[in-house]
Amino acid sequence: ALEAPAGATLDDLKSLHEHAPAMEGDAINSPLSVGAKAPEFALLDANGREVTLSSYAGRAIVLVFYPLDWSPGCSKQLDLYQQ
């Protein structure tokens, strides 16, 4: 796993994806069809609190799943979602 060195700056972290290892092997997944409802799930947020999909019921949300943390394409794509 890639780790930021102690004392890394925010700029160091922003470019960490540029040094990600190459992805190898075939993808193994079964994507949902466009418009399909996502299954219920629970994850921890950045503060360690549990967040469930159902806690956003009735609100529009964007779910993004990506295969490799810090990969160049995914990191740039996530920037677009924040705009």
PDB file of N, CA and C in Angstrom:
ATOM      1  N   ALA A   1       0.840  -1.187   0.000  1.00  0.00           N
ATOM      2  CA  ALA A   1       0.000   0.000   0.000  1.00  0.00           C
ATOM      3  C   ALA A   1       0.877   1.241   0.000  1.00  0.00           C
ATOM      4  N   LEU A   2       0.425   2.257  -0.700  1.00  0.00           N
ATOM      5  CA  LEU A   2       1.154   3.516  -0.718  1.00  0.00           C
ATOM      6  C   LEU A   2       0.844   4.301   0.542  1.00  0.00           C
ATOM      7  N   GLU A   3       1.862   4.894   1.112  1.00  0.00           N
ATOM      8  CA  GLU A   3       1.663   5.716   2.293  1.00  0.00           C
ATOM      9  C   GLU A   3       2.399   7.025   2.109  1.00  0.00           C
ATOM     10  N   ALA A   4       1.812   8.077   2.596  1.00  0.00           N
ATOM     11  CA  ALA A   4       2.475   9.377   2.547  1.00  0.00           C
ATOM     12  C   ALA A   4       3.548   9.405   3.626  1.00  0.00           C
ATOM     13  N   PRO A   5       4.709   9.942   3.313  1.00  0.00           N
ATOM     14  CA  PRO A   5       5.766  10.022   4.322  1.00  0.00           C
ATOM     15  C   PRO A   5       5.380  10.986   5.436  1.00  0.00           C
ATOM     16  N   ALA A   6       5.956  10.765   6.608  1.00  0.00           N
ATOM     17  CA  ALA A   6       5.695  11.663   7.738  1.00  0.00           C
ATOM     18  C   ALA A   6       6.052  13.085   7.335  1.00  0.00           C
ATOM     19  N   GLY A   7       5.218  14.035   7.707  1.00  0.00           N
ATOM     20  CA  GLY A   7       5.479  15.430   7.380  1.00  0.00           C
ATOM     21  C   GLY A   7       5.066  15.818   5.975  1.00  0.00           C
ATOM     22  N   ALA A   8       4.326  14.942   5.288  1.00  0.00           N
ATOM     23  CA  ALA A   8       3.896  15.240   3.922  1.00  0.00           C
ATOM     24  C   ALA A   8       2.938  16.420   3.917  1.00  0.00           C
ATOM     25  N   THR A   9       3.035  17.226   2.899  1.00  0.00           N
ATOM     26  CA  THR A   9       2.135  18.372   2.760  1.00  0.00           C
ATOM     27  C   THR A   9       0.898  17.959   1.967  1.00  0.00           C
ATOM     28  N   LEU A  10      -0.093  18.831   1.933  1.00  0.00           N
ATOM     29  CA  LEU A  10      -1.289  18.570   1.147  1.00  0.00           C
ATOM     30  C   LEU A  10      -0.937  18.418  -0.325  1.00  0.00           C
ATOM     31  N   ASP A  11       0.001  19.226  -0.825  1.00  0.00           N
ATOM     32  CA  ASP A  11       0.435  19.104  -2.219  1.00  0.00           C
ATOM     33  C   ASP A  11       1.078  17.743  -2.473  1.00  0.00           C
ATOM     34  N   ASP A  12       1.829  17.228  -1.499  1.00  0.00           N
ATOM     35  CA  ASP A  12       2.421  15.891  -1.632  1.00  0.00           C
ATOM     36  C   ASP A  12       1.320  14.846  -1.779  1.00  0.00           C
ATOM     37  N   LEU A  13       0.267  14.972  -0.964  1.00  0.00           N
ATOM     38  CA  LEU A  13      -0.822  14.006  -1.009  1.00  0.00           C
ATOM     39  C   LEU A  13      -1.612  14.105  -2.306  1.00  0.00           C
ATOM     40  N   LYS A  14      -1.768  15.329  -2.822  1.00  0.00           N
ATOM     41  CA  LYS A  14      -2.505  15.524  -4.069  1.00  0.00           C
ATOM     42  C   LYS A  14      -1.837  14.805  -5.232  1.00  0.00           C
ATOM     43  N   SER A  15      -0.530  14.676  -5.206  1.00  0.00           N
ATOM     44  CA  SER A  15       0.182  14.051  -6.327  1.00  0.00           C
ATOM     45  C   SER A  15       0.542  12.592  -6.056  1.00  0.00           C
ATOM     46  N   LEU A  16       0.138  12.057  -4.911  1.00  0.00           N
ATOM     47  CA  LEU A  16       0.476  10.683  -4.555  1.00  0.00           C
ATOM     48  C   LEU A  16       0.003   9.689  -5.615  1.00  0.00           C
ATOM     49  N   HIS A  17      -1.166   9.971  -6.234  1.00  0.00           N
ATOM     50  CA  HIS A  17      -1.713   9.059  -7.234  1.00  0.00           C
ATOM     51  C   HIS A  17      -0.809   8.916  -8.455  1.00  0.00           C
ATOM     52  N   GLU A  18       0.058   9.879  -8.683  1.00  0.00           N
ATOM     53  CA  GLU A  18       0.929   9.829  -9.858  1.00  0.00           C
ATOM     54  C   GLU A  18       1.964   8.712  -9.758  1.00  0.00           C
ATOM     55  N   HIS A  19       2.107   8.151  -8.571  1.00  0.00           N
ATOM     56  CA  HIS A  19       3.102   7.094  -8.362  1.00  0.00           C
ATOM     57  C   HIS A  19       2.446   5.765  -8.003  1.00  0.00           C
ATOM     58  N   ALA A  20       1.165   5.636  -8.305  1.00  0.00           N
ATOM     59  CA  ALA A  20       0.431   4.409  -7.990  1.00  0.00           C
ATOM     60  C   ALA A  20       0.929   3.262  -8.870  1.00  0.00           C
ATOM     61  N   PRO A  21       0.913   2.047  -8.350  1.00  0.00           N
ATOM     62  CA  PRO A  21       1.335   0.893  -9.159  1.00  0.00           C
ATOM     63  C   PRO A  21       0.347   0.633 -10.292  1.00  0.00           C
ATOM     64  N   ALA A  22       0.830  -0.001 -11.326  1.00  0.00           N
ATOM     65  CA  ALA A  22      -0.033  -0.348 -12.461  1.00  0.00           C
ATOM     66  C   ALA A  22      -1.089  -1.348 -12.017  1.00  0.00           C
ATOM     67  N   MET A  23      -2.291  -1.211 -12.587  1.00  0.00           N
ATOM     68  CA  MET A  23      -3.354  -2.179 -12.307  1.00  0.00           C
ATOM     69  C   MET A  23      -3.148  -3.379 -13.218  1.00  0.00           C
ATOM     70  N   GLU A  24      -3.272  -4.564 -12.647  1.00  0.00           N
ATOM     71  CA  GLU A  24      -3.057  -5.780 -13.418  1.00  0.00           C
ATOM     72  C   GLU A  24      -4.242  -6.715 -13.226  1.00  0.00           C
ATOM     73  N   GLY A  25      -4.467  -7.566 -14.208  1.00  0.00           N
ATOM     74  CA  GLY A  25      -5.522  -8.568 -14.097  1.00  0.00           C
ATOM     75  C   GLY A  25      -6.856  -8.054 -14.602  1.00  0.00           C
ATOM     76  N   ASP A  26      -7.776  -8.976 -14.753  1.00  0.00           N
ATOM     77  CA  ASP A  26      -9.111  -8.655 -15.228  1.00  0.00           C
ATOM     78  C   ASP A  26      -9.976  -8.132 -14.085  1.00  0.00           C
ATOM     79  N   ALA A  27     -10.861  -7.220 -14.400  1.00  0.00           N
ATOM     80  CA  ALA A  27     -11.821  -6.733 -13.422  1.00  0.00           C
ATOM     81  C   ALA A  27     -12.822  -7.844 -13.134  1.00  0.00           C
ATOM     82  N   ILE A  28     -13.199  -7.994 -11.896  1.00  0.00           N
ATOM     83  CA  ILE A  28     -14.189  -9.003 -11.537  1.00  0.00           C
ATOM     84  C   ILE A  28     -15.311  -8.299 -10.781  1.00  0.00           C
ATOM     85  N   ASN A  29     -16.330  -7.941 -11.516  1.00  0.00           N
ATOM     86  CA  ASN A  29     -17.479  -7.286 -10.898  1.00  0.00           C
ATOM     87  C   ASN A  29     -18.698  -7.454 -11.780  1.00  0.00           C
ATOM     88  N   SER A  30     -19.810  -7.145 -11.236  1.00  0.00           N
ATOM     89  CA  SER A  30     -21.070  -7.146 -11.965  1.00  0.00           C
ATOM     90  C   SER A  30     -21.723  -5.787 -11.737  1.00  0.00           C
ATOM     91  N   PRO A  31     -21.523  -4.859 -12.654  1.00  0.00           N
ATOM     92  CA  PRO A  31     -22.064  -3.518 -12.437  1.00  0.00           C
ATOM     93  C   PRO A  31     -23.591  -3.514 -12.427  1.00  0.00           C
ATOM     94  N   LEU A  32     -24.128  -2.530 -11.719  1.00  0.00           N
ATOM     95  CA  LEU A  32     -25.581  -2.337 -11.727  1.00  0.00           C
ATOM     96  C   LEU A  32     -25.985  -1.705 -13.050  1.00  0.00           C
ATOM     97  N   SER A  33     -27.173  -1.996 -13.488  1.00  0.00           N
ATOM     98  CA  SER A  33     -27.712  -1.359 -14.688  1.00  0.00           C
ATOM     99  C   SER A  33     -28.010   0.106 -14.383  1.00  0.00           C
ATOM    100  N   VAL A  34     -27.963   0.939 -15.406  1.00  0.00           N
ATOM    101  CA  VAL A  34     -28.312   2.345 -15.236  1.00  0.00           C
ATOM    102  C   VAL A  34     -29.732   2.431 -14.695  1.00  0.00           C
ATOM    103  N   GLY A  35     -29.922   3.198 -13.637  1.00  0.00           N
ATOM    104  CA  GLY A  35     -31.228   3.368 -13.036  1.00  0.00           C
ATOM    105  C   GLY A  35     -31.580   2.336 -11.978  1.00  0.00           C
ATOM    106  N   ALA A  36     -30.737   1.301 -11.821  1.00  0.00           N
ATOM    107  CA  ALA A  36     -31.016   0.277 -10.806  1.00  0.00           C
ATOM    108  C   ALA A  36     -30.781   0.852  -9.413  1.00  0.00           C
ATOM    109  N   LYS A  37     -31.539   0.377  -8.439  1.00  0.00           N
ATOM    110  CA  LYS A  37     -31.352   0.812  -7.065  1.00  0.00           C
ATOM    111  C   LYS A  37     -30.134   0.113  -6.472  1.00  0.00           C
ATOM    112  N   ALA A  38     -29.321   0.897  -5.788  1.00  0.00           N
ATOM    113  CA  ALA A  38     -28.143   0.333  -5.116  1.00  0.00           C
ATOM    114  C   ALA A  38     -28.587  -0.443  -3.884  1.00  0.00           C
ATOM    115  N   PRO A  39     -27.908  -1.533  -3.571  1.00  0.00           N
ATOM    116  CA  PRO A  39     -28.255  -2.280  -2.357  1.00  0.00           C
ATOM    117  C   PRO A  39     -27.856  -1.483  -1.110  1.00  0.00           C
ATOM    118  N   GLU A  40     -28.541  -1.724  -0.029  1.00  0.00           N
ATOM    119  CA  GLU A  40     -28.220  -1.066   1.236  1.00  0.00           C
ATOM    120  C   GLU A  40     -26.802  -1.445   1.663  1.00  0.00           C
ATOM    121  N   PHE A  41     -26.083  -0.485   2.187  1.00  0.00           N
ATOM    122  CA  PHE A  41     -24.753  -0.754   2.730  1.00  0.00           C
ATOM    123  C   PHE A  41     -24.443   0.267   3.805  1.00  0.00           C
ATOM    124  N   ALA A  42     -23.432  -0.037   4.603  1.00  0.00           N
ATOM    125  CA  ALA A  42     -22.979   0.870   5.658  1.00  0.00           C
ATOM    126  C   ALA A  42     -21.459   0.970   5.565  1.00  0.00           C
ATOM    127  N   LEU A  43     -20.959   2.184   5.722  1.00  0.00           N
ATOM    128  CA  LEU A  43     -19.517   2.450   5.704  1.00  0.00           C
ATOM    129  C   LEU A  43     -19.197   3.446   6.798  1.00  0.00           C
ATOM    130  N   LEU A  44     -17.922   3.528   7.144  1.00  0.00           N
ATOM    131  CA  LEU A  44     -17.487   4.532   8.106  1.00  0.00           C
ATOM    132  C   LEU A  44     -17.043   5.777   7.359  1.00  0.00           C
ATOM    133  N   ASP A  45     -17.429   6.949   7.874  1.00  0.00           N
ATOM    134  CA  ASP A  45     -16.984   8.193   7.250  1.00  0.00           C
ATOM    135  C   ASP A  45     -15.584   8.547   7.761  1.00  0.00           C
ATOM    136  N   ALA A  46     -15.073   9.689   7.346  1.00  0.00           N
ATOM    137  CA  ALA A  46     -13.715  10.099   7.712  1.00  0.00           C
ATOM    138  C   ALA A  46     -13.554  10.301   9.217  1.00  0.00           C
ATOM    139  N   ASN A  47     -14.661  10.440   9.937  1.00  0.00           N
ATOM    140  CA  ASN A  47     -14.622  10.618  11.390  1.00  0.00           C
ATOM    141  C   ASN A  47     -14.920   9.328  12.149  1.00  0.00           C
ATOM    142  N   GLY A  48     -15.049   8.221  11.411  1.00  0.00           N
ATOM    143  CA  GLY A  48     -15.295   6.934  12.047  1.00  0.00           C
ATOM    144  C   GLY A  48     -16.745   6.667  12.390  1.00  0.00           C
ATOM    145  N   ARG A  49     -17.665   7.525  11.930  1.00  0.00           N
ATOM    146  CA  ARG A  49     -19.093   7.323  12.180  1.00  0.00           C
ATOM    147  C   ARG A  49     -19.703   6.502  11.050  1.00  0.00           C
ATOM    148  N   GLU A  50     -20.618   5.612  11.410  1.00  0.00           N
ATOM    149  CA  GLU A  50     -21.275   4.793  10.399  1.00  0.00           C
ATOM    150  C   GLU A  50     -22.262   5.627   9.588  1.00  0.00           C
ATOM    151  N   VAL A  51     -22.211   5.464   8.287  1.00  0.00           N
ATOM    152  CA  VAL A  51     -23.138   6.113   7.356  1.00  0.00           C
ATOM    153  C   VAL A  51     -23.771   5.007   6.524  1.00  0.00           C
ATOM    154  N   THR A  52     -25.099   5.054   6.383  1.00  0.00           N
ATOM    155  CA  THR A  52     -25.800   4.059   5.575  1.00  0.00           C
ATOM    156  C   THR A  52     -26.411   4.730   4.356  1.00  0.00           C
ATOM    157  N   LEU A  53     -26.589   3.962   3.325  1.00  0.00           N
ATOM    158  CA  LEU A  53     -27.233   4.487   2.129  1.00  0.00           C
ATOM    159  C   LEU A  53     -28.652   4.956   2.468  1.00  0.00           C
ATOM    160  N   SER A  54     -29.350   4.201   3.288  1.00  0.00           N
ATOM    161  CA  SER A  54     -30.736   4.561   3.620  1.00  0.00           C
ATOM    162  C   SER A  54     -30.833   5.881   4.378  1.00  0.00           C
ATOM    163  N   SER A  55     -29.746   6.330   4.993  1.00  0.00           N
ATOM    164  CA  SER A  55     -29.783   7.615   5.699  1.00  0.00           C
ATOM    165  C   SER A  55     -29.906   8.784   4.723  1.00  0.00           C
ATOM    166  N   TYR A  56     -29.733   8.519   3.440  1.00  0.00           N
ATOM    167  CA  TYR A  56     -29.881   9.546   2.407  1.00  0.00           C
ATOM    168  C   TYR A  56     -31.169   9.378   1.607  1.00  0.00           C
ATOM    169  N   ALA A  57     -32.086   8.561   2.110  1.00  0.00           N
ATOM    170  CA  ALA A  57     -33.354   8.314   1.406  1.00  0.00           C
ATOM    171  C   ALA A  57     -34.055   9.633   1.084  1.00  0.00           C
ATOM    172  N   GLY A  58     -34.547   9.738  -0.156  1.00  0.00           N
ATOM    173  CA  GLY A  58     -35.267  10.927  -0.591  1.00  0.00           C
ATOM    174  C   GLY A  58     -34.380  12.054  -1.092  1.00  0.00           C
ATOM    175  N   ARG A  59     -33.071  11.871  -1.022  1.00  0.00           N
ATOM    176  CA  ARG A  59     -32.150  12.902  -1.513  1.00  0.00           C
ATOM    177  C   ARG A  59     -31.349  12.335  -2.681  1.00  0.00           C
ATOM    178  N   ALA A  60     -31.010  13.189  -3.617  1.00  0.00           N
ATOM    179  CA  ALA A  60     -30.174  12.766  -4.740  1.00  0.00           C
ATOM    180  C   ALA A  60     -28.730  12.646  -4.264  1.00  0.00           C
ATOM    181  N   ILE A  61     -28.092  11.545  -4.580  1.00  0.00           N
ATOM    182  CA  ILE A  61     -26.686  11.344  -4.230  1.00  0.00           C
ATOM    183  C   ILE A  61     -25.959  10.729  -5.419  1.00  0.00           C
ATOM    184  N   VAL A  62     -24.663  10.816  -5.410  1.00  0.00           N
ATOM    185  CA  VAL A  62     -23.826  10.185  -6.422  1.00  0.00           C
ATOM    186  C   VAL A  62     -22.944   9.166  -5.707  1.00  0.00           C
ATOM    187  N   LEU A  63     -23.052   7.917  -6.117  1.00  0.00           N
ATOM    188  CA  LEU A  63     -22.200   6.867  -5.569  1.00  0.00           C
ATOM    189  C   LEU A  63     -21.064   6.623  -6.551  1.00  0.00           C
ATOM    190  N   VAL A  64     -19.851   6.679  -6.067  1.00  0.00           N
ATOM    191  CA  VAL A  64     -18.692   6.472  -6.917  1.00  0.00           C
ATOM    192  C   VAL A  64     -17.830   5.381  -6.301  1.00  0.00           C
ATOM    193  N   PHE A  65     -17.581   4.358  -7.057  1.00  0.00           N
ATOM    194  CA  PHE A  65     -16.693   3.282  -6.631  1.00  0.00           C
ATOM    195  C   PHE A  65     -15.552   3.227  -7.633  1.00  0.00           C
ATOM    196  N   TYR A  66     -14.358   3.127  -7.157  1.00  0.00           N
ATOM    197  CA  TYR A  66     -13.214   3.108  -8.057  1.00  0.00           C
ATOM    198  C   TYR A  66     -12.256   2.011  -7.629  1.00  0.00           C
ATOM    199  N   PRO A  67     -11.489   1.467  -8.574  1.00  0.00           N
ATOM    200  CA  PRO A  67     -10.719   0.256  -8.306  1.00  0.00           C
ATOM    201  C   PRO A  67      -9.400   0.446  -7.569  1.00  0.00           C
ATOM    202  N   LEU A  68      -8.811   1.628  -7.602  1.00  0.00           N
ATOM    203  CA  LEU A  68      -7.471   1.782  -7.034  1.00  0.00           C
ATOM    204  C   LEU A  68      -7.331   3.150  -6.397  1.00  0.00           C
ATOM    205  N   ASP A  69      -7.117   3.182  -5.104  1.00  0.00           N
ATOM    206  CA  ASP A  69      -6.889   4.468  -4.443  1.00  0.00           C
ATOM    207  C   ASP A  69      -5.705   5.175  -5.079  1.00  0.00           C
ATOM    208  N   TRP A  70      -5.869   6.465  -5.249  1.00  0.00           N
ATOM    209  CA  TRP A  70      -4.810   7.351  -5.725  1.00  0.00           C
ATOM    210  C   TRP A  70      -4.423   7.131  -7.185  1.00  0.00           C
ATOM    211  N   SER A  71      -5.211   6.397  -7.958  1.00  0.00           N
ATOM    212  CA  SER A  71      -4.867   6.239  -9.371  1.00  0.00           C
ATOM    213  C   SER A  71      -5.164   7.558 -10.092  1.00  0.00           C
ATOM    214  N   PRO A  72      -4.374   7.904 -11.108  1.00  0.00           N
ATOM    215  CA  PRO A  72      -4.519   9.211 -11.766  1.00  0.00           C
ATOM    216  C   PRO A  72      -5.913   9.468 -12.327  1.00  0.00           C
ATOM    217  N   GLY A  73      -6.461   8.529 -13.047  1.00  0.00           N
ATOM    218  CA  GLY A  73      -7.772   8.730 -13.652  1.00  0.00           C
ATOM    219  C   GLY A  73      -8.858   8.916 -12.617  1.00  0.00           C
ATOM    220  N   CYS A  74      -8.857   8.081 -11.610  1.00  0.00           N
ATOM    221  CA  CYS A  74      -9.899   8.157 -10.585  1.00  0.00           C
ATOM    222  C   CYS A  74      -9.791   9.443  -9.777  1.00  0.00           C
ATOM    223  N   SER A  75      -8.588   9.830  -9.430  1.00  0.00           N
ATOM    224  CA  SER A  75      -8.414  11.049  -8.636  1.00  0.00           C
ATOM    225  C   SER A  75      -8.880  12.273  -9.403  1.00  0.00           C
ATOM    226  N   LYS A  76      -8.583  12.341 -10.690  1.00  0.00           N
ATOM    227  CA  LYS A  76      -9.024  13.483 -11.493  1.00  0.00           C
ATOM    228  C   LYS A  76     -10.535  13.450 -11.693  1.00  0.00           C
ATOM    229  N   GLN A  77     -11.099  12.245 -11.831  1.00  0.00           N
ATOM    230  CA  GLN A  77     -12.544  12.114 -11.990  1.00  0.00           C
ATOM    231  C   GLN A  77     -13.258  12.562 -10.718  1.00  0.00           C
ATOM    232  N   LEU A  78     -12.743  12.187  -9.565  1.00  0.00           N
ATOM    233  CA  LEU A  78     -13.364  12.589  -8.312  1.00  0.00           C
ATOM    234  C   LEU A  78     -13.331  14.103  -8.145  1.00  0.00           C
ATOM    235  N   ASP A  79     -12.299  14.754  -8.623  1.00  0.00           N
ATOM    236  CA  ASP A  79     -12.248  16.221  -8.595  1.00  0.00           C
ATOM    237  C   ASP A  79     -13.427  16.815  -9.353  1.00  0.00           C
ATOM    238  N   LEU A  80     -13.789  16.209 -10.475  1.00  0.00           N
ATOM    239  CA  LEU A  80     -14.917  16.704 -11.274  1.00  0.00           C
ATOM    240  C   LEU A  80     -16.224  16.600 -10.519  1.00  0.00           C
ATOM    241  N   TYR A  81     -16.426  15.534  -9.749  1.00  0.00           N
ATOM    242  CA  TYR A  81     -17.658  15.356  -8.993  1.00  0.00           C
ATOM    243  C   TYR A  81     -17.812  16.446  -7.937  1.00  0.00           C
ATOM    244  N   GLN A  82     -16.713  16.946  -7.421  1.00  0.00           N
ATOM    245  CA  GLN A  82     -16.778  17.952  -6.373  1.00  0.00           C
ATOM    246  C   GLN A  82     -17.120  19.338  -6.922  1.00  0.00           C
ATOM    247  N   GLN A  83     -17.011  19.518  -8.220  1.00  0.00           N
ATOM    248  CA  GLN A  83     -17.298  20.826  -8.814  1.00  0.00           C
ATOM    249  C   GLN A  83     -18.749  20.996  -8.934  1.00  0.00           C
TER     250      GLN A  83
END
